Structures are given as structure tokens and as C-alpha cells.
Protein backbone atom coordinates (compact mmCIF):
# COMPACT_ATOMS: atom_id res chain seq x y z
CA UNK A 1 -20.03 -10.99 -8.09
CA UNK A 2 -17.51 -10.23 -4.97
CA UNK A 3 -17.72 -8.02 -2.02
CA UNK A 4 -15.09 -5.97 -0.53
CA UNK A 5 -15.05 -5.18 2.97
CA UNK A 6 -13.58 -2.35 5.42
CA UNK A 7 -13.88 -4.90 8.43
CA UNK A 8 -14.44 -3.75 11.79
CA UNK A 9 -15.35 -5.21 14.82
CA UNK A 10 -18.86 -3.00 15.77
CA UNK A 11 -19.28 -2.12 11.68
CA UNK A 12 -18.28 -2.65 8.16
CA UNK A 13 -18.69 -0.82 5.41
CA UNK A 14 -18.71 -3.27 1.94
CA UNK A 15 -19.23 -2.86 -1.38
CA UNK A 16 -20.94 -5.08 -4.55
CA UNK A 17 -20.12 -6.13 -7.64
CA UNK A 18 -18.48 -7.15 -10.93
CA UNK A 19 -16.73 -4.51 -12.56
CA UNK A 20 -18.40 -2.10 -10.95
CA UNK A 21 -20.26 -1.56 -7.79
CA UNK A 22 -24.12 -2.37 -7.72
CA UNK A 23 -24.44 -1.75 -4.03
CA UNK A 24 -22.59 -0.24 -0.98
CA UNK A 25 -23.08 0.79 2.58
CA UNK A 26 -22.36 0.01 6.27
CA UNK A 27 -23.94 -2.51 8.18
CA UNK A 28 -23.48 -4.05 11.79
CA UNK A 29 -20.56 -6.68 12.46
CA UNK A 30 -23.59 -8.99 13.16
CA UNK A 31 -25.21 -8.69 10.39
CA UNK A 32 -22.43 -9.03 8.01
CA UNK A 33 -22.53 -13.20 8.37
CA UNK A 34 -26.11 -12.64 6.42
CA UNK A 35 -24.57 -10.70 2.96
CA UNK A 36 -21.97 -12.78 3.10
CA UNK A 37 -23.58 -16.08 2.67
CA UNK A 38 -23.92 -14.89 -1.25
CA UNK A 39 -20.71 -14.34 -1.94
CA UNK A 40 -18.33 -16.95 -2.75
CA UNK A 41 -15.22 -14.33 -2.89
CA UNK A 42 -14.20 -11.39 -0.64
CA UNK A 43 -11.62 -8.83 -0.87
CA UNK A 44 -10.75 -8.00 2.32
CA UNK A 45 -8.92 -4.69 3.29
CA UNK A 46 -6.29 -4.87 5.85
CA UNK A 47 -4.91 -2.12 8.11
CA UNK A 48 -1.26 -1.92 8.20
CA UNK A 49 0.19 0.83 10.22
CA UNK A 50 1.75 3.56 8.27
CA UNK A 51 5.13 2.46 8.28
CA UNK A 52 4.44 -0.76 6.93
CA UNK A 53 4.17 -3.07 10.05
CA UNK A 54 1.07 -5.36 10.67
CA UNK A 55 -0.66 -3.66 13.56
CA UNK A 56 -3.49 -5.39 16.22
CA UNK A 57 -6.14 -4.28 13.79
CA UNK A 58 -4.33 -6.41 11.11
CA UNK A 59 -4.27 -9.80 12.88
CA UNK A 60 -8.37 -9.10 13.51
CA UNK A 61 -9.09 -8.93 9.97
CA UNK A 62 -6.73 -11.79 9.42
CA UNK A 63 -8.49 -14.01 11.98
CA UNK A 64 -11.21 -13.17 10.26
CA UNK A 65 -9.91 -14.20 7.00
CA UNK A 66 -9.14 -17.15 8.30
CA UNK A 67 -12.89 -17.82 9.44
CA UNK A 68 -14.21 -17.30 6.02
CA UNK A 69 -11.94 -19.22 4.55
CA UNK A 70 -12.90 -22.19 6.39
CA UNK A 71 -16.64 -21.26 5.99
CA UNK A 72 -15.46 -22.37 1.90
CA UNK A 73 -14.71 -18.39 0.70
CA UNK A 74 -11.69 -17.44 -1.40
CA UNK A 75 -10.58 -14.44 0.54
CA UNK A 76 -7.93 -11.99 -0.92
CA UNK A 77 -6.74 -8.72 0.89
CA UNK A 78 -6.06 -5.50 0.21
CA UNK A 79 -3.17 -2.69 1.79
CA UNK A 80 -6.18 -0.54 2.81
CA UNK A 81 -3.89 2.28 4.57
CA UNK A 82 -4.61 4.98 2.70
CA UNK A 83 -8.38 4.80 2.12
CA UNK A 84 -9.90 5.90 5.17
CA UNK A 85 -7.27 9.13 5.31
CA UNK A 86 -8.66 9.40 1.35
CA UNK A 87 -11.83 9.62 3.04
CA UNK A 88 -11.37 12.22 5.72
CA UNK A 89 -9.50 14.54 2.97
CA UNK A 90 -12.47 14.38 0.65
CA UNK A 91 -15.26 14.92 4.10
CA UNK A 92 -16.41 11.61 3.83
CA UNK A 93 -18.24 10.95 7.20
CA UNK A 94 -19.40 7.07 5.82
CA UNK A 95 -15.68 6.46 5.62
CA UNK A 96 -16.49 2.36 6.13
CA UNK A 97 -18.34 2.53 3.23
CA UNK A 98 -15.82 4.60 1.47
CA UNK A 99 -12.90 2.50 2.20
CA UNK A 100 -15.13 -0.43 0.94
CA UNK A 101 -16.04 1.25 -2.23
CA UNK A 102 -12.42 2.13 -2.71
CA UNK A 103 -10.77 -1.58 -1.61
CA UNK A 104 -13.35 -3.01 -4.63
CA UNK A 105 -12.50 -0.46 -7.29
CA UNK A 106 -8.64 -1.05 -6.69
CA UNK A 107 -9.27 -4.96 -6.63
CA UNK A 108 -11.45 -4.48 -9.88
CA UNK A 109 -8.90 -2.65 -11.73
CA UNK A 110 -5.49 -4.38 -10.66
CA UNK A 111 -6.58 -7.81 -8.71
CA UNK A 112 -2.64 -8.89 -8.66
CA UNK A 113 -2.23 -5.86 -6.03
CA UNK A 114 -4.00 -8.53 -3.80
CA UNK A 115 -3.00 -11.84 -1.82
CA UNK A 116 -5.25 -14.53 -1.54
CA UNK A 117 -5.15 -15.92 2.26
CA UNK A 118 -4.13 -19.62 2.88
CA UNK A 119 -4.50 -22.00 5.62
CA UNK A 120 -0.78 -22.55 6.49
CA UNK A 121 1.00 -24.77 9.06
CA UNK A 122 4.00 -25.17 10.82
CA UNK A 123 6.98 -27.34 10.03
CA UNK A 124 7.95 -30.46 12.13
CA UNK A 125 11.40 -30.32 11.75
CA UNK A 126 14.27 -31.12 14.61
CA UNK A 127 16.93 -28.24 14.35
CA UNK A 128 19.03 -27.01 16.98
CA UNK A 129 19.45 -22.91 17.34
CA UNK A 130 21.61 -20.69 19.16
CA UNK A 131 20.14 -17.27 20.63
CA UNK A 132 18.03 -14.65 19.52
CA UNK A 133 16.25 -16.06 15.65
CA UNK A 134 14.74 -14.36 12.68
CA UNK A 135 12.04 -16.11 10.44
CA UNK A 136 12.63 -14.27 6.91
CA UNK A 137 9.99 -15.29 4.66
CA UNK A 138 9.50 -18.81 6.11
CA UNK A 139 7.43 -20.55 7.74
CA UNK A 140 7.40 -21.70 12.07
CA UNK A 141 9.14 -24.69 13.17
CA UNK A 142 7.53 -26.34 15.91
CA UNK A 143 9.16 -25.12 19.08
CA UNK A 144 11.55 -22.76 18.19
CA UNK A 145 9.97 -19.12 18.76
CA UNK A 146 11.60 -15.88 17.41
CA UNK A 147 10.73 -12.50 15.24
CA UNK A 148 9.38 -12.97 11.78
CA UNK A 149 10.19 -10.93 8.57
CA UNK A 150 7.65 -10.96 6.15
CA UNK A 151 4.90 -9.62 3.32
CA UNK A 152 3.23 -12.77 3.05
CA UNK A 153 -0.12 -12.19 4.98
CA UNK A 154 -0.74 -16.03 5.20
CA UNK A 155 2.56 -16.59 6.48
CA UNK A 156 2.40 -13.40 9.48
CA UNK A 157 -0.90 -14.82 10.74
CA UNK A 158 0.80 -18.73 10.88
CA UNK A 159 3.79 -16.32 13.21
CA UNK A 160 1.37 -14.63 15.13
CA UNK A 161 -0.88 -17.45 16.36
CA UNK A 162 2.80 -19.24 16.77
CA UNK A 163 3.41 -16.71 19.44
CA UNK A 164 6.18 -14.68 17.34
CA UNK A 165 6.57 -10.99 16.60
CA UNK A 166 6.19 -10.15 12.99
CA UNK A 167 7.66 -7.82 10.78
CA UNK A 168 6.96 -6.50 7.58
CA UNK A 169 9.30 -3.74 6.93
CA UNK A 170 12.39 -4.75 7.42
CA UNK A 171 14.32 -0.73 7.44
CA UNK A 172 12.09 -0.87 11.00
CA UNK A 173 14.61 -3.81 12.46
CA UNK A 174 16.75 -2.40 14.42
CA UNK A 175 18.68 -5.15 15.68
CA UNK A 176 21.01 -8.14 14.23
CA UNK A 177 20.14 -12.27 15.39
CA UNK A 178 22.32 -14.92 15.79
CA UNK A 179 20.09 -17.23 13.95
CA UNK A 180 18.68 -16.27 10.57
CA UNK A 181 16.00 -19.31 9.32
CA UNK A 182 15.25 -18.46 5.28
CA UNK A 183 15.48 -20.39 2.05
CA UNK A 184 19.02 -20.39 0.22
CA UNK A 185 17.55 -18.34 -2.12
CA UNK A 186 17.13 -15.39 0.02
CA UNK A 187 20.56 -15.54 1.45
CA UNK A 188 22.14 -12.60 0.32
CA UNK A 189 19.31 -10.68 2.09
CA UNK A 190 18.88 -12.86 5.07
CA UNK A 191 22.71 -12.23 5.56
CA UNK A 192 21.47 -8.34 6.33
CA UNK A 193 20.04 -9.59 9.79
CA UNK A 194 22.77 -11.23 11.04
CA UNK A 195 25.37 -10.63 13.49
CA UNK A 196 29.33 -11.08 12.30
CA UNK A 197 28.97 -14.73 14.29
CA UNK A 198 25.97 -16.04 13.28
CA UNK A 199 24.03 -18.95 11.50
CA UNK A 200 21.81 -19.08 8.27
CA UNK A 201 19.63 -21.92 8.41
CA UNK A 202 17.80 -23.63 5.24
CA UNK A 203 14.12 -24.53 4.90
């Protein structure tokens, strides 16, 4: 059995089942923990902005995901951008429960569309950087602040906790960086964000 959740700070939609939904509804946030005790596997909808970037609510959901993982749950994250819009177009008032049902059905039909949430740690490394820094799909390095570009939710959450601004949609980055920290296999893509005189650093 799995539970899919449309998370909110005051109320949450939920849908429970295996391949099909056995039960769904909406509960107050403080009632959710009691329900979750029965489930090992949790599917969380993550609300991204319509541009595809992270929002404040995205990071609230990721913080909740971290809490669940620390309690022993397996947490999978699903892009829920269209579920609330669908509920509205169908004239559905309980959009939290509707969104949870849609998250459940989408995950059940294709689990690969989700990402498993993991608790990551930054890198202890002594390197020198010049000017403005962009992390491109890499872990943060201790004491080096910068922007981050990643589609990995776990990585995005870690960068946000470190105080870095996090992009998800590369098309919304409108500047070039003095230093791009990335992986060697991403060299060609990383160069697109680099100033002419900038440095690539591989980790």
C-alpha cells in the first residue's frame, strides 16, 4: 500500500491504495502524521512554478520530505503542477483530494516519473573560486556560496538549506558566471553559463 499526498501547511489531500485508489480525502495537517504511521512508501506532490523553477512552497514540501525520510519512510516526489489546474477546470471544489488522487494515479501508472528523496551532504573541499559561482548539478562545497541549477529535488533542497539560490529551468538564467562548478561529463552544457574568461571546476 502507498499513500499519495498533496501537502499544504493547513490541510493535505491524500489518496491510499495499491494499483487502484481505495480511499481518498482531505485532512488537517496535524492529523496527517497519524495516517502516515501505516505507510512505508509516500508519494509527495511537489509544486513547481509554471516556469518550471522551484517556489517557496517547493522547499516546504522538500522539508516535509526530509522529515518523513528521517522517520523511516521512503519518499518519492512527483511534479504536481497541473493537478490543481485540472481540478479547477473540472469544477472540483476539494482540489487537495483531487490532486492527491491524480498524483497517485500518475505514479501508479508510471513510477519512473518520480524522484526518490535522499538526504545529501555537502563536500568538504579546499578550492579557490573567482567571482560569481554557479553549481551545475553538483553538491555544494563548504564555504562556497553561489547559485545552483539542478533538476534533482534532493540536491535542490540541500543547496537551498545552504543559502544558495536554486534554479531548475536553465532558460530562466539570464546571466553568465565567473566560475561554474560541475561534473566533467556535463562540460559542454556547463560552458553555456560561463563568461568568456570564466573557469570550469570539476568535482
